[in-house]
PDB file of N, CA and C in Angstrom:
ATOM      1  N   MET A   1     -17.243  -8.413  45.186  1.00  0.00           N
ATOM      2  CA  MET A   1     -17.976  -8.776  46.380  1.00  0.00           C
ATOM      3  C   MET A   1     -18.918  -9.948  46.104  1.00  0.00           C
ATOM      4  N   ILE A   2     -19.538  -9.925  44.959  1.00  0.00           N
ATOM      5  CA  ILE A   2     -20.468 -11.001  44.624  1.00  0.00           C
ATOM      6  C   ILE A   2     -19.722 -12.326  44.482  1.00  0.00           C
ATOM      7  N   LEU A   3     -18.498 -12.275  43.967  1.00  0.00           N
ATOM      8  CA  LEU A   3     -17.719 -13.503  43.831  1.00  0.00           C
ATOM      9  C   LEU A   3     -17.377 -14.097  45.201  1.00  0.00           C
ATOM     10  N   LEU A   4     -17.135 -13.257  46.197  1.00  0.00           N
ATOM     11  CA  LEU A   4     -16.868 -13.772  47.535  1.00  0.00           C
ATOM     12  C   LEU A   4     -18.075 -14.491  48.108  1.00  0.00           C
ATOM     13  N   ILE A   5     -19.228 -13.896  47.960  1.00  0.00           N
ATOM     14  CA  ILE A   5     -20.444 -14.503  48.501  1.00  0.00           C
ATOM     15  C   ILE A   5     -20.794 -15.785  47.754  1.00  0.00           C
ATOM     16  N   ALA A   6     -20.501 -15.836  46.468  1.00  0.00           N
ATOM     17  CA  ALA A   6     -20.815 -17.010  45.664  1.00  0.00           C
ATOM     18  C   ALA A   6     -19.841 -18.161  45.915  1.00  0.00           C
ATOM     19  N   SER A   7     -18.725 -17.889  46.518  1.00  0.00           N
ATOM     20  CA  SER A   7     -17.737 -18.935  46.769  1.00  0.00           C
ATOM     21  C   SER A   7     -18.283 -19.938  47.786  1.00  0.00           C
ATOM     22  N   GLU A   8     -18.039 -21.204  47.531  1.00  0.00           N
ATOM     23  CA  GLU A   8     -18.557 -22.234  48.439  1.00  0.00           C
ATOM     24  C   GLU A   8     -17.803 -22.289  49.756  1.00  0.00           C
ATOM     25  N   PHE A   9     -16.578 -21.788  49.785  1.00  0.00           N
ATOM     26  CA  PHE A   9     -15.765 -21.835  51.005  1.00  0.00           C
ATOM     27  C   PHE A   9     -15.820 -20.547  51.813  1.00  0.00           C
ATOM     28  N   TYR A  10     -16.518 -19.535  51.330  1.00  0.00           N
ATOM     29  CA  TYR A  10     -16.513 -18.216  51.984  1.00  0.00           C
ATOM     30  C   TYR A  10     -17.005 -18.280  53.425  1.00  0.00           C
ATOM     31  N   ILE A  11     -18.137 -18.887  53.654  1.00  0.00           N
ATOM     32  CA  ILE A  11     -18.714 -18.942  54.999  1.00  0.00           C
ATOM     33  C   ILE A  11     -17.821 -19.744  55.938  1.00  0.00           C
ATOM     34  N   ARG A  12     -17.334 -20.872  55.491  1.00  0.00           N
ATOM     35  CA  ARG A  12     -16.502 -21.730  56.337  1.00  0.00           C
ATOM     36  C   ARG A  12     -15.178 -21.047  56.687  1.00  0.00           C
ATOM     37  N   LEU A  13     -14.523 -20.452  55.719  1.00  0.00           N
ATOM     38  CA  LEU A  13     -13.221 -19.840  55.960  1.00  0.00           C
ATOM     39  C   LEU A  13     -13.323 -18.499  56.669  1.00  0.00           C
ATOM     40  N   SER A  14     -14.416 -17.773  56.479  1.00  0.00           N
ATOM     41  CA  SER A  14     -14.561 -16.504  57.189  1.00  0.00           C
ATOM     42  C   SER A  14     -14.732 -16.746  58.686  1.00  0.00           C
ATOM     43  N   GLY A  15     -15.346 -17.835  59.061  1.00  0.00           N
ATOM     44  CA  GLY A  15     -15.450 -18.182  60.475  1.00  0.00           C
ATOM     45  C   GLY A  15     -14.101 -18.518  61.076  1.00  0.00           C
ATOM     46  N   ALA A  16     -13.228 -19.141  60.302  1.00  0.00           N
ATOM     47  CA  ALA A  16     -11.886 -19.473  60.789  1.00  0.00           C
ATOM     48  C   ALA A  16     -11.063 -18.214  61.025  1.00  0.00           C
ATOM     49  N   VAL A  17     -11.247 -17.212  60.213  1.00  0.00           N
ATOM     50  CA  VAL A  17     -10.522 -15.948  60.387  1.00  0.00           C
ATOM     51  C   VAL A  17     -11.029 -15.219  61.626  1.00  0.00           C
ATOM     52  N   MET A  18     -12.313 -15.239  61.853  1.00  0.00           N
ATOM     53  CA  MET A  18     -12.880 -14.498  62.978  1.00  0.00           C
ATOM     54  C   MET A  18     -12.503 -15.108  64.321  1.00  0.00           C
ATOM     55  N   VAL A  19     -12.123 -16.368  64.359  1.00  0.00           N
ATOM     56  CA  VAL A  19     -11.711 -16.996  65.606  1.00  0.00           C
ATOM     57  C   VAL A  19     -10.401 -16.391  66.097  1.00  0.00           C
ATOM     58  N   GLY A  20      -9.479 -16.104  65.208  1.00  0.00           N
ATOM     59  CA  GLY A  20      -8.184 -15.581  65.592  1.00  0.00           C
ATOM     60  C   GLY A  20      -8.121 -14.072  65.736  1.00  0.00           C
ATOM     61  N   PHE A  21      -9.156 -13.374  65.352  1.00  0.00           N
ATOM     62  CA  PHE A  21      -9.123 -11.914  65.371  1.00  0.00           C
ATOM     63  C   PHE A  21      -8.960 -11.316  66.765  1.00  0.00           C
ATOM     64  N   PRO A  22      -9.641 -11.804  67.812  1.00  0.00           N
ATOM     65  CA  PRO A  22      -9.426 -11.217  69.141  1.00  0.00           C
ATOM     66  C   PRO A  22      -7.990 -11.339  69.637  1.00  0.00           C
ATOM     67  N   ALA A  23      -7.320 -12.433  69.329  1.00  0.00           N
ATOM     68  CA  ALA A  23      -5.933 -12.593  69.744  1.00  0.00           C
ATOM     69  C   ALA A  23      -5.034 -11.590  69.037  1.00  0.00           C
ATOM     70  N   VAL A  24      -5.269 -11.351  67.765  1.00  0.00           N
ATOM     71  CA  VAL A  24      -4.474 -10.377  67.020  1.00  0.00           C
ATOM     72  C   VAL A  24      -4.727  -8.973  67.547  1.00  0.00           C
ATOM     73  N   ALA A  25      -5.973  -8.661  67.871  1.00  0.00           N
ATOM     74  CA  ALA A  25      -6.296  -7.341  68.405  1.00  0.00           C
ATOM     75  C   ALA A  25      -5.616  -7.107  69.755  1.00  0.00           C
ATOM     76  N   LEU A  26      -5.625  -8.109  70.628  1.00  0.00           N
ATOM     77  CA  LEU A  26      -4.957  -7.963  71.921  1.00  0.00           C
ATOM     78  C   LEU A  26      -3.447  -7.832  71.751  1.00  0.00           C
ATOM     79  N   ALA A  27      -2.876  -8.557  70.817  1.00  0.00           N
ATOM     80  CA  ALA A  27      -1.443  -8.446  70.567  1.00  0.00           C
ATOM     81  C   ALA A  27      -1.083  -7.054  70.065  1.00  0.00           C
ATOM     82  N   MET A  28      -1.939  -6.463  69.242  1.00  0.00           N
ATOM     83  CA  MET A  28      -1.691  -5.111  68.761  1.00  0.00           C
ATOM     84  C   MET A  28      -1.776  -4.097  69.895  1.00  0.00           C
ATOM     85  N   VAL A  29      -2.715  -4.277  70.809  1.00  0.00           N
ATOM     86  CA  VAL A  29      -2.822  -3.395  71.974  1.00  0.00           C
ATOM     87  C   VAL A  29      -1.571  -3.525  72.835  1.00  0.00           C
ATOM     88  N   SER A  30      -1.088  -4.741  72.988  1.00  0.00           N
ATOM     89  CA  SER A  30       0.117  -4.975  73.777  1.00  0.00           C
ATOM     90  C   SER A  30       1.325  -4.269  73.172  1.00  0.00           C
ATOM     91  N   VAL A  31       1.478  -4.350  71.869  1.00  0.00           N
ATOM     92  CA  VAL A  31       2.598  -3.684  71.202  1.00  0.00           C
ATOM     93  C   VAL A  31       2.463  -2.168  71.317  1.00  0.00           C
ATOM     94  N   ALA A  32       1.254  -1.653  71.199  1.00  0.00           N
ATOM     95  CA  ALA A  32       1.048  -0.210  71.356  1.00  0.00           C
ATOM     96  C   ALA A  32       1.415   0.246  72.762  1.00  0.00           C
ATOM     97  N   LEU A  33       1.038  -0.529  73.767  1.00  0.00           N
ATOM     98  CA  LEU A  33       1.415  -0.190  75.138  1.00  0.00           C
ATOM     99  C   LEU A  33       2.925  -0.252  75.323  1.00  0.00           C
ATOM    100  N   LEU A  34       3.558  -1.230  74.720  1.00  0.00           N
ATOM    101  CA  LEU A  34       5.000  -1.371  74.826  1.00  0.00           C
ATOM    102  C   LEU A  34       5.719  -0.179  74.208  1.00  0.00           C
ATOM    103  N   LEU A  35       5.232   0.277  73.066  1.00  0.00           N
ATOM    104  CA  LEU A  35       5.851   1.425  72.411  1.00  0.00           C
ATOM    105  C   LEU A  35       5.585   2.727  73.158  1.00  0.00           C
ATOM    106  N   ALA A  36       4.451   2.822  73.838  1.00  0.00           N
ATOM    107  CA  ALA A  36       4.108   4.038  74.573  1.00  0.00           C
ATOM    108  C   ALA A  36       4.776   4.103  75.940  1.00  0.00           C
ATOM    109  N   ALA A  37       5.252   2.989  76.437  1.00  0.00           N
ATOM    110  CA  ALA A  37       5.835   2.935  77.780  1.00  0.00           C
ATOM    111  C   ALA A  37       7.280   3.405  77.738  1.00  0.00           C
ATOM    112  N   LYS A  38       7.497   4.642  78.091  1.00  0.00           N
ATOM    113  CA  LYS A  38       8.852   5.177  78.158  1.00  0.00           C
ATOM    114  C   LYS A  38       9.207   5.356  79.629  1.00  0.00           C
ATOM    115  N   GLN A  39       9.891   4.389  80.177  1.00  0.00           N
ATOM    116  CA  GLN A  39      10.313   4.402  81.583  1.00  0.00           C
ATOM    117  C   GLN A  39       9.142   4.282  82.554  1.00  0.00           C
ATOM    118  N   ARG A  40       8.019   3.803  82.108  1.00  0.00           N
ATOM    119  CA  ARG A  40       6.880   3.573  83.006  1.00  0.00           C
ATOM    120  C   ARG A  40       6.721   2.074  83.184  1.00  0.00           C
ATOM    121  N   TRP A  41       7.071   1.578  84.335  1.00  0.00           N
ATOM    122  CA  TRP A  41       7.076   0.141  84.581  1.00  0.00           C
ATOM    123  C   TRP A  41       5.669  -0.437  84.561  1.00  0.00           C
ATOM    124  N   TRP A  42       4.679   0.332  84.981  1.00  0.00           N
ATOM    125  CA  TRP A  42       3.331  -0.218  85.035  1.00  0.00           C
ATOM    126  C   TRP A  42       2.767  -0.433  83.629  1.00  0.00           C
ATOM    127  N   MET A  43       3.181   0.387  82.662  1.00  0.00           N
ATOM    128  CA  MET A  43       2.728   0.158  81.283  1.00  0.00           C
ATOM    129  C   MET A  43       3.415  -1.061  80.685  1.00  0.00           C
ATOM    130  N   LEU A  44       4.656  -1.289  81.063  1.00  0.00           N
ATOM    131  CA  LEU A  44       5.341  -2.501  80.612  1.00  0.00           C
ATOM    132  C   LEU A  44       4.680  -3.749  81.180  1.00  0.00           C
ATOM    133  N   ALA A  45       4.311  -3.672  82.468  1.00  0.00           N
ATOM    134  CA  ALA A  45       3.627  -4.809  83.089  1.00  0.00           C
ATOM    135  C   ALA A  45       2.259  -5.035  82.443  1.00  0.00           C
ATOM    136  N   LEU A  46       1.544  -3.960  82.160  1.00  0.00           N
ATOM    137  CA  LEU A  46       0.236  -4.079  81.505  1.00  0.00           C
ATOM    138  C   LEU A  46       0.382  -4.646  80.098  1.00  0.00           C
ATOM    139  N   SER A  47       1.430  -4.250  79.392  1.00  0.00           N
ATOM    140  CA  SER A  47       1.697  -4.787  78.061  1.00  0.00           C
ATOM    141  C   SER A  47       1.935  -6.296  78.124  1.00  0.00           C
ATOM    142  N   GLY A  48       2.704  -6.734  79.106  1.00  0.00           N
ATOM    143  CA  GLY A  48       2.954  -8.166  79.275  1.00  0.00           C
ATOM    144  C   GLY A  48       1.694  -8.937  79.606  1.00  0.00           C
ATOM    145  N   LEU A  49       0.856  -8.351  80.442  1.00  0.00           N
ATOM    146  CA  LEU A  49      -0.404  -8.998  80.806  1.00  0.00           C
ATOM    147  C   LEU A  49      -1.324  -9.138  79.589  1.00  0.00           C
ATOM    148  N   VAL A  50      -1.419  -8.071  78.808  1.00  0.00           N
ATOM    149  CA  VAL A  50      -2.273  -8.122  77.614  1.00  0.00           C
ATOM    150  C   VAL A  50      -1.735  -9.131  76.608  1.00  0.00           C
ATOM    151  N   MET A  51      -0.407  -9.207  76.461  1.00  0.00           N
ATOM    152  CA  MET A  51       0.165 -10.188  75.538  1.00  0.00           C
ATOM    153  C   MET A  51      -0.083 -11.611  76.031  1.00  0.00           C
ATOM    154  N   ALA A  52      -0.026 -11.807  77.346  1.00  0.00           N
ATOM    155  CA  ALA A  52      -0.327 -13.135  77.892  1.00  0.00           C
ATOM    156  C   ALA A  52      -1.782 -13.513  77.599  1.00  0.00           C
ATOM    157  N   LEU A  53      -2.677 -12.552  77.688  1.00  0.00           N
ATOM    158  CA  LEU A  53      -4.075 -12.831  77.351  1.00  0.00           C
ATOM    159  C   LEU A  53      -4.235 -13.153  75.865  1.00  0.00           C
ATOM    160  N   ALA A  54      -3.438 -12.500  75.035  1.00  0.00           N
ATOM    161  CA  ALA A  54      -3.527 -12.742  73.589  1.00  0.00           C
ATOM    162  C   ALA A  54      -3.005 -14.137  73.234  1.00  0.00           C
ATOM    163  N   LEU A  55      -2.017 -14.616  73.977  1.00  0.00           N
ATOM    164  CA  LEU A  55      -1.394 -15.885  73.633  1.00  0.00           C
ATOM    165  C   LEU A  55      -2.012 -17.103  74.322  1.00  0.00           C
ATOM    166  N   ARG A  56      -2.938 -16.867  75.232  1.00  0.00           N
ATOM    167  CA  ARG A  56      -3.529 -18.010  75.949  1.00  0.00           C
ATOM    168  C   ARG A  56      -4.379 -18.837  74.990  1.00  0.00           C
ATOM    169  N   PRO A  57      -4.374 -20.141  75.189  1.00  0.00           N
ATOM    170  CA  PRO A  57      -5.198 -20.992  74.311  1.00  0.00           C
ATOM    171  C   PRO A  57      -6.682 -20.763  74.572  1.00  0.00           C
ATOM    172  N   SER A  58      -7.450 -20.794  73.510  1.00  0.00           N
ATOM    173  CA  SER A  58      -8.885 -20.563  73.688  1.00  0.00           C
ATOM    174  C   SER A  58      -9.685 -21.828  73.637  1.00  0.00           C
TER     175      SER A  58
END
């Protein structure tokens, strides 16, 4: 842990990772909805909507 904090690139690169985290989280929710939707059209539509939100440019 101390080596991570001592790294000169830690702060800069950790910010780059945190920018993409919400998109990955929304994509995971979308996949979970897709897997849970067994013949329920509204869950499929909700999954598509969440994936569209995950893929939109920020």
